[in-house]
């Protein structure tokens, strides 16, 4: 069978370097090996069930996702242990959640109000199933979650008393620390979290409530939170692909994700490509051009405008962008073009793309 080189892939295309992806998966698996903390990687990064199964085969305990519709994609692909790291509050969605649990999937969801626990119980009992819950603690993100040991105790006692609901632990996610460039400051922030969560766990224990799981941890802090601290599971996702933002932290993972684009216009000191904001996420900054560090990029909707002051590029040349944020870039594309040693190995659908409900 003829091998297709990357230069013949039509643009715009989302490229995954399979050797680097596999190396990143192995590096995380090696770090987590023999740790009491287990990996529960986040599906919001890759949104691809094939990649989720690669992680599970390398020791991940289950998969984390953000949305119910993502959980449905995972369940349809045979994933049996799913955490939705979010609150599900509408009656319609709770019935869908209970349906997943009824189908044999171990479903866990976050809670931060007693009323939500009542609603989850109602849906679970109606479907004749059980749903696990983590009480979310706000450890610095400033969005969902509760703050005091007393609030967590009320949630735990409510869950224990509600039919069809199992209180299984805490969510303590430190996304506010994930991109802090100084490792010392990340460690200091994690230490403050440990103090807060340890106090809550001790308070619950004194009131007869066991905490089986403490979930959280991201790519930027995996080697701190995952190093046999209080966390039992780590939700890192971006380590799979990396991006310019995470590159600044000096982590041991490689850039496995790029956007392939073609130079469609060239003149002295200037070039235009066919990939813009509709293909490459810019919420955490503009992309860089792989192998051309001196070229800077500005993105319009459909075009990249490049400052090619040394005239490194030529018309029709295909180049690769390293995105500023891998997760939002993935959600702009329908499939991965999987490449090994410069040749196309396969095309994988991004089945979770656009699953925002």
Foldseek 3Di string as FASTA:
>chain_A
DDFFFPLPDDDFAKAFAVVQLLVLLLVLLVLLPPALAAAAAECLQQLFLVVVVVNVVSGHPFHEYAFLLSVVVNVVVPGAEYEHAEQDADLVSLLSQLVSQLVRHQYEYEDQDLVSLQSNLVSNVVSVGAHEYAQEDCLDPPDDGHHDLVSRLVNQVSQVPGHRYHYAAHEDADPVLQQPQDPVVSLVSVVSVLVRVVVSQVVNVVVPHHHHAYEYAEPSCCSPVSRRGRGRYHHYYCSSAPFPSNVSNVDPGDHRIWTKWFFADDDAQKTKTQQACLQAPAPQHAWAWPPCRVKDWDGDHGMIIIRRNVPPDDHGDMTITGGRGSSVNSLSDFWYQYDYPRTTDDIGGSNSRPVPD
